[in-house]
Amino acid sequence: MSIAWLNLISLHISGFLFAFLAILSTVPVTLSERRGERAWKECKWIRFASFAFAMIMVLNTFLWGIFPVPELIWTTGLEFASRLFIVIILSIPSLLICGKAMNDAGQEMNYPLKETKLHGGIYNYVRHPGIWGEMPLYVWVAFLVDSLFLVIWMTIYIIAFSAVNIYYEEMDLVKRFGSEYEEYQKRTGMLIPRRG
């Protein structure tokens, strides 16, 4: 088996493990129903492990630029400088949103904290700004290495992961904050700000 195919397999495995662990790390209340108080600490380490697999996904994407699967070489035809310019322009909004979400969530962005209250700032407008901040960056990396296959793969992956992640995280947040979170859901858009 070639390095290119091993890299693609690694991308799929790391993508699955990142998604599974990231979702698992966002449900500390549900986990604590079975594992007790230690679930909160476990979620911290699970979140770090998910981050490690996210970095492996990024590495796999960059390796694709060196070892593409021959049958899946679909390119944009753009020069590297043009792709880099487009990626920089498209990344600016994502990085600003990501930075604002990280600032407003504080330590909770790194791992769940039992004593945390509902966040303010950007979270007053959308419940999951991190989706807009972090997730597009994976697509931009795929575009940078000039792989339309990976752009499509990452886009489908992000949409599926985001939907499942939001579903489970919201269920856990309702358990965690109760009616306060249900009221927050009514007044704040999931991904798009609500008018009024």
C-alpha atoms as a PDB file:
ATOM      1  CA  MET A   1       0.000   0.000   0.000  1.00  0.00           C
ATOM      2  CA  SER A   2       1.359   3.427  -0.926  1.00  0.00           C
ATOM      3  CA  ILE A   3       2.105   6.321   1.441  1.00  0.00           C
ATOM      4  CA  ALA A   4      -0.694   8.296  -0.239  1.00  0.00           C
ATOM      5  CA  TRP A   5      -3.326   5.684   0.615  1.00  0.00           C
ATOM      6  CA  LEU A   6      -1.960   5.243   4.163  1.00  0.00           C
ATOM      7  CA  ASN A   7      -2.208   9.009   4.616  1.00  0.00           C
ATOM      8  CA  LEU A   8      -5.828   8.999   3.384  1.00  0.00           C
ATOM      9  CA  ILE A   9      -6.680   6.127   5.739  1.00  0.00           C
ATOM     10  CA  SER A  10      -5.000   8.016   8.584  1.00  0.00           C
ATOM     11  CA  LEU A  11      -7.067  11.102   7.700  1.00  0.00           C
ATOM     12  CA  HIS A  12     -10.280   9.083   7.969  1.00  0.00           C
ATOM     13  CA  ILE A  13      -9.275   7.448  11.267  1.00  0.00           C
ATOM     14  CA  SER A  14      -8.054  10.686  12.846  1.00  0.00           C
ATOM     15  CA  GLY A  15     -11.186  12.460  11.605  1.00  0.00           C
ATOM     16  CA  PHE A  16     -13.407   9.850  13.236  1.00  0.00           C
ATOM     17  CA  LEU A  17     -11.439   9.909  16.499  1.00  0.00           C
ATOM     18  CA  PHE A  18     -11.389  13.715  16.596  1.00  0.00           C
ATOM     19  CA  ALA A  19     -15.164  13.857  16.097  1.00  0.00           C
ATOM     20  CA  PHE A  20     -15.921  11.077  18.593  1.00  0.00           C
ATOM     21  CA  LEU A  21     -13.678  12.488  21.323  1.00  0.00           C
ATOM     22  CA  ALA A  22     -14.707  16.106  20.723  1.00  0.00           C
ATOM     23  CA  ILE A  23     -18.371  15.165  21.076  1.00  0.00           C
ATOM     24  CA  LEU A  24     -17.647  13.030  24.139  1.00  0.00           C
ATOM     25  CA  SER A  25     -15.825  15.947  25.778  1.00  0.00           C
ATOM     26  CA  THR A  26     -18.902  18.189  25.466  1.00  0.00           C
ATOM     27  CA  VAL A  27     -21.230  15.966  27.514  1.00  0.00           C
ATOM     28  CA  PRO A  28     -19.796  16.004  31.071  1.00  0.00           C
ATOM     29  CA  VAL A  29     -23.202  15.954  32.765  1.00  0.00           C
ATOM     30  CA  THR A  30     -24.301  12.910  30.786  1.00  0.00           C
ATOM     31  CA  LEU A  31     -21.003  11.158  31.506  1.00  0.00           C
ATOM     32  CA  SER A  32     -21.181  12.037  35.203  1.00  0.00           C
ATOM     33  CA  GLU A  33     -24.518  10.205  35.430  1.00  0.00           C
ATOM     34  CA  ARG A  34     -22.514   7.002  34.891  1.00  0.00           C
ATOM     35  CA  ARG A  35     -18.992   7.936  35.977  1.00  0.00           C
ATOM     36  CA  GLY A  36     -19.614  10.361  38.828  1.00  0.00           C
ATOM     37  CA  GLU A  37     -17.704  13.577  39.460  1.00  0.00           C
ATOM     38  CA  ARG A  38     -14.535  12.260  37.818  1.00  0.00           C
ATOM     39  CA  ALA A  39     -16.252  12.665  34.436  1.00  0.00           C
ATOM     40  CA  TRP A  40     -15.490  16.391  34.547  1.00  0.00           C
ATOM     41  CA  LYS A  41     -11.738  15.753  34.789  1.00  0.00           C
ATOM     42  CA  GLU A  42     -11.961  12.988  32.199  1.00  0.00           C
ATOM     43  CA  CYS A  43     -13.605  15.424  29.771  1.00  0.00           C
ATOM     44  CA  LYS A  44     -10.558  17.668  30.090  1.00  0.00           C
ATOM     45  CA  TRP A  45      -8.238  14.871  28.921  1.00  0.00           C
ATOM     46  CA  ILE A  46     -10.697  13.723  26.283  1.00  0.00           C
ATOM     47  CA  ARG A  47     -10.761  17.278  24.871  1.00  0.00           C
ATOM     48  CA  PHE A  48      -6.940  17.350  24.724  1.00  0.00           C
ATOM     49  CA  ALA A  49      -6.930  13.972  22.935  1.00  0.00           C
ATOM     50  CA  SER A  50      -9.494  15.256  20.426  1.00  0.00           C
ATOM     51  CA  PHE A  51      -7.243  18.258  19.759  1.00  0.00           C
ATOM     52  CA  ALA A  52      -4.325  15.898  19.085  1.00  0.00           C
ATOM     53  CA  PHE A  53      -6.371  14.033  16.470  1.00  0.00           C
ATOM     54  CA  ALA A  54      -7.424  17.363  14.931  1.00  0.00           C
ATOM     55  CA  MET A  55      -3.739  18.198  14.505  1.00  0.00           C
ATOM     56  CA  ILE A  56      -3.143  14.786  12.904  1.00  0.00           C
ATOM     57  CA  MET A  57      -5.962  15.624  10.447  1.00  0.00           C
ATOM     58  CA  VAL A  58      -4.204  18.890   9.573  1.00  0.00           C
ATOM     59  CA  LEU A  59      -0.905  17.026   9.163  1.00  0.00           C
ATOM     60  CA  ASN A  60      -2.627  14.465   6.900  1.00  0.00           C
ATOM     61  CA  THR A  61      -3.995  17.333   4.823  1.00  0.00           C
ATOM     62  CA  PHE A  62      -0.553  18.891   4.387  1.00  0.00           C
ATOM     63  CA  LEU A  63       0.934  15.477   3.576  1.00  0.00           C
ATOM     64  CA  TRP A  64      -1.682  15.154   0.834  1.00  0.00           C
ATOM     65  CA  GLY A  65       0.117  18.046  -0.873  1.00  0.00           C
ATOM     66  CA  ILE A  66       3.228  15.815  -1.055  1.00  0.00           C
ATOM     67  CA  PHE A  67       1.579  12.394  -1.380  1.00  0.00           C
ATOM     68  CA  PRO A  68      -1.789  12.773  -3.119  1.00  0.00           C
ATOM     69  CA  VAL A  69      -3.773   9.669  -4.052  1.00  0.00           C
ATOM     70  CA  PRO A  70      -3.271   9.558  -7.856  1.00  0.00           C
ATOM     71  CA  GLU A  71      -6.905   8.694  -8.584  1.00  0.00           C
ATOM     72  CA  LEU A  72      -8.094  11.665  -6.504  1.00  0.00           C
ATOM     73  CA  ILE A  73      -5.894  14.475  -7.803  1.00  0.00           C
ATOM     74  CA  TRP A  74      -8.452  17.182  -8.492  1.00  0.00           C
ATOM     75  CA  THR A  75      -6.890  20.629  -8.435  1.00  0.00           C
ATOM     76  CA  THR A  76      -8.094  24.216  -8.759  1.00  0.00           C
ATOM     77  CA  GLY A  77      -5.462  25.123 -11.317  1.00  0.00           C
ATOM     78  CA  LEU A  78      -4.554  28.204  -9.259  1.00  0.00           C
ATOM     79  CA  GLU A  79      -0.971  29.093  -8.420  1.00  0.00           C
ATOM     80  CA  PHE A  80       0.116  28.708  -4.783  1.00  0.00           C
ATOM     81  CA  ALA A  81       0.337  32.482  -4.260  1.00  0.00           C
ATOM     82  CA  SER A  82      -3.268  32.905  -5.421  1.00  0.00           C
ATOM     83  CA  ARG A  83      -4.478  30.099  -3.182  1.00  0.00           C
ATOM     84  CA  LEU A  84      -2.533  31.519  -0.235  1.00  0.00           C
ATOM     85  CA  PHE A  85      -4.056  34.973  -0.783  1.00  0.00           C
ATOM     86  CA  ILE A  86      -7.592  33.506  -0.933  1.00  0.00           C
ATOM     87  CA  VAL A  87      -6.971  31.402   2.193  1.00  0.00           C
ATOM     88  CA  ILE A  88      -5.661  34.420   4.138  1.00  0.00           C
ATOM     89  CA  ILE A  89      -8.704  36.522   3.151  1.00  0.00           C
ATOM     90  CA  LEU A  90     -11.162  33.709   3.980  1.00  0.00           C
ATOM     91  CA  SER A  91      -9.401  32.835   7.252  1.00  0.00           C
ATOM     92  CA  ILE A  92      -9.597  36.332   8.731  1.00  0.00           C
ATOM     93  CA  PRO A  93     -13.325  36.174   9.634  1.00  0.00           C
ATOM     94  CA  SER A  94     -12.935  32.617  10.964  1.00  0.00           C
ATOM     95  CA  LEU A  95      -9.968  33.568  13.133  1.00  0.00           C
ATOM     96  CA  LEU A  96     -11.721  36.687  14.461  1.00  0.00           C
ATOM     97  CA  ILE A  97     -14.833  34.686  15.381  1.00  0.00           C
ATOM     98  CA  CYS A  98     -12.701  31.917  16.899  1.00  0.00           C
ATOM     99  CA  GLY A  99     -10.687  34.416  18.948  1.00  0.00           C
ATOM    100  CA  LYS A 100     -13.821  36.176  20.188  1.00  0.00           C
ATOM    101  CA  ALA A 101     -15.491  32.851  21.099  1.00  0.00           C
ATOM    102  CA  MET A 102     -12.355  31.695  22.954  1.00  0.00           C
ATOM    103  CA  ASN A 103     -12.123  34.989  24.822  1.00  0.00           C
ATOM    104  CA  ASP A 104     -15.807  34.981  25.812  1.00  0.00           C
ATOM    105  CA  ALA A 105     -15.855  31.297  26.825  1.00  0.00           C
ATOM    106  CA  GLY A 106     -12.560  31.468  28.725  1.00  0.00           C
ATOM    107  CA  GLN A 107     -11.283  28.147  30.070  1.00  0.00           C
ATOM    108  CA  GLU A 108     -14.553  26.467  29.094  1.00  0.00           C
ATOM    109  CA  MET A 109     -13.326  26.486  25.486  1.00  0.00           C
ATOM    110  CA  ASN A 110     -10.480  24.167  26.502  1.00  0.00           C
ATOM    111  CA  TYR A 111     -12.511  21.852  28.715  1.00  0.00           C
ATOM    112  CA  PRO A 112     -15.827  21.888  30.584  1.00  0.00           C
ATOM    113  CA  LEU A 113     -15.869  23.395  34.065  1.00  0.00           C
ATOM    114  CA  LYS A 114     -18.656  22.457  36.440  1.00  0.00           C
ATOM    115  CA  GLU A 115     -18.928  25.940  37.962  1.00  0.00           C
ATOM    116  CA  THR A 116     -19.172  27.817  34.629  1.00  0.00           C
ATOM    117  CA  LYS A 117     -22.206  30.008  33.952  1.00  0.00           C
ATOM    118  CA  LEU A 118     -23.685  30.752  30.527  1.00  0.00           C
ATOM    119  CA  HIS A 119     -21.286  32.832  28.441  1.00  0.00           C
ATOM    120  CA  GLY A 120     -21.849  36.392  27.280  1.00  0.00           C
ATOM    121  CA  GLY A 121     -20.267  38.345  24.436  1.00  0.00           C
ATOM    122  CA  ILE A 122     -20.583  36.649  21.068  1.00  0.00           C
ATOM    123  CA  TYR A 123     -22.661  33.923  22.746  1.00  0.00           C
ATOM    124  CA  ASN A 124     -25.439  36.486  23.156  1.00  0.00           C
ATOM    125  CA  TYR A 125     -25.885  36.285  19.371  1.00  0.00           C
ATOM    126  CA  VAL A 126     -25.172  32.645  18.468  1.00  0.00           C
ATOM    127  CA  ARG A 127     -24.971  29.576  20.664  1.00  0.00           C
ATOM    128  CA  HIS A 128     -22.146  27.878  18.738  1.00  0.00           C
ATOM    129  CA  PRO A 129     -19.784  30.516  17.315  1.00  0.00           C
ATOM    130  CA  GLY A 130     -16.896  28.037  17.435  1.00  0.00           C
ATOM    131  CA  ILE A 131     -18.429  26.216  14.461  1.00  0.00           C
ATOM    132  CA  TRP A 132     -18.002  29.382  12.360  1.00  0.00           C
ATOM    133  CA  GLY A 133     -14.592  30.066  13.859  1.00  0.00           C
ATOM    134  CA  GLU A 134     -12.764  26.753  13.793  1.00  0.00           C
ATOM    135  CA  MET A 135     -14.466  24.479  11.298  1.00  0.00           C
ATOM    136  CA  PRO A 136     -13.901  26.470   8.063  1.00  0.00           C
ATOM    137  CA  LEU A 137     -10.159  26.488   8.752  1.00  0.00           C
ATOM    138  CA  TYR A 138      -9.956  22.782   7.861  1.00  0.00           C
ATOM    139  CA  VAL A 139     -11.469  23.548   4.463  1.00  0.00           C
ATOM    140  CA  TRP A 140      -9.038  26.410   3.885  1.00  0.00           C
ATOM    141  CA  VAL A 141      -6.074  24.127   4.623  1.00  0.00           C
ATOM    142  CA  ALA A 142      -7.411  21.623   2.061  1.00  0.00           C
ATOM    143  CA  PHE A 143      -7.787  24.460  -0.459  1.00  0.00           C
ATOM    144  CA  LEU A 144      -4.240  25.635   0.279  1.00  0.00           C
ATOM    145  CA  VAL A 145      -2.797  22.228  -0.678  1.00  0.00           C
ATOM    146  CA  ASP A 146      -4.848  22.454  -3.901  1.00  0.00           C
ATOM    147  CA  SER A 147      -7.047  19.416  -3.378  1.00  0.00           C
ATOM    148  CA  LEU A 148     -10.664  19.756  -4.430  1.00  0.00           C
ATOM    149  CA  PHE A 149     -11.197  16.204  -3.181  1.00  0.00           C
ATOM    150  CA  LEU A 150     -10.147  17.241   0.339  1.00  0.00           C
ATOM    151  CA  VAL A 151     -12.165  20.467   0.139  1.00  0.00           C
ATOM    152  CA  ILE A 152     -15.266  18.378  -0.574  1.00  0.00           C
ATOM    153  CA  TRP A 153     -14.291  15.756   2.036  1.00  0.00           C
ATOM    154  CA  MET A 154     -13.691  18.391   4.728  1.00  0.00           C
ATOM    155  CA  THR A 155     -16.915  20.245   3.909  1.00  0.00           C
ATOM    156  CA  ILE A 156     -19.037  17.089   4.224  1.00  0.00           C
ATOM    157  CA  TYR A 157     -17.116  16.062   7.343  1.00  0.00           C
ATOM    158  CA  ILE A 158     -17.601  19.460   9.012  1.00  0.00           C
ATOM    159  CA  ILE A 159     -21.326  19.595   8.260  1.00  0.00           C
ATOM    160  CA  ALA A 160     -21.872  16.075   9.632  1.00  0.00           C
ATOM    161  CA  PHE A 161     -19.628  16.580  12.671  1.00  0.00           C
ATOM    162  CA  SER A 162     -21.141  19.969  13.524  1.00  0.00           C
ATOM    163  CA  ALA A 163     -24.712  18.664  13.362  1.00  0.00           C
ATOM    164  CA  VAL A 164     -23.995  15.677  15.612  1.00  0.00           C
ATOM    165  CA  ASN A 165     -21.812  17.695  17.994  1.00  0.00           C
ATOM    166  CA  ILE A 166     -24.421  20.426  18.438  1.00  0.00           C
ATOM    167  CA  TYR A 167     -27.172  17.859  19.006  1.00  0.00           C
ATOM    168  CA  TYR A 168     -25.359  16.090  21.857  1.00  0.00           C
ATOM    169  CA  GLU A 169     -23.828  19.225  23.371  1.00  0.00           C
ATOM    170  CA  GLU A 170     -27.210  20.987  23.511  1.00  0.00           C
ATOM    171  CA  MET A 171     -28.817  17.976  25.232  1.00  0.00           C
ATOM    172  CA  ASP A 172     -26.061  18.075  27.841  1.00  0.00           C
ATOM    173  CA  LEU A 173     -26.329  21.845  28.291  1.00  0.00           C
ATOM    174  CA  VAL A 174     -30.062  21.543  28.980  1.00  0.00           C
ATOM    175  CA  LYS A 175     -29.250  18.968  31.683  1.00  0.00           C
ATOM    176  CA  ARG A 176     -26.543  21.258  33.028  1.00  0.00           C
ATOM    177  CA  PHE A 177     -28.377  24.612  33.060  1.00  0.00           C
ATOM    178  CA  GLY A 178     -32.030  23.518  32.884  1.00  0.00           C
ATOM    179  CA  SER A 179     -34.669  26.139  32.080  1.00  0.00           C
ATOM    180  CA  GLU A 180     -32.008  28.878  31.885  1.00  0.00           C
ATOM    181  CA  TYR A 181     -30.524  27.167  28.837  1.00  0.00           C
ATOM    182  CA  GLU A 182     -33.949  26.481  27.317  1.00  0.00           C
ATOM    183  CA  GLU A 183     -34.720  30.208  27.539  1.00  0.00           C
ATOM    184  CA  TYR A 184     -31.332  30.945  26.012  1.00  0.00           C
ATOM    185  CA  GLN A 185     -32.164  28.583  23.117  1.00  0.00           C
ATOM    186  CA  LYS A 186     -35.403  30.475  22.475  1.00  0.00           C
ATOM    187  CA  ARG A 187     -33.771  33.899  22.284  1.00  0.00           C
ATOM    188  CA  THR A 188     -30.422  33.019  20.665  1.00  0.00           C
ATOM    189  CA  GLY A 189     -29.830  31.438  17.262  1.00  0.00           C
ATOM    190  CA  MET A 190     -27.915  28.197  17.039  1.00  0.00           C
ATOM    191  CA  LEU A 191     -25.568  29.334  14.248  1.00  0.00           C
ATOM    192  CA  ILE A 192     -27.259  32.431  12.830  1.00  0.00           C
ATOM    193  CA  PRO A 193     -28.245  35.424  14.990  1.00  0.00           C
ATOM    194  CA  ARG A 194     -31.978  35.880  15.448  1.00  0.00           C
ATOM    195  CA  ARG A 195     -33.600  39.168  14.564  1.00  0.00           C
ATOM    196  CA  GLY A 196     -35.110  41.079  17.453  1.00  0.00           C
END
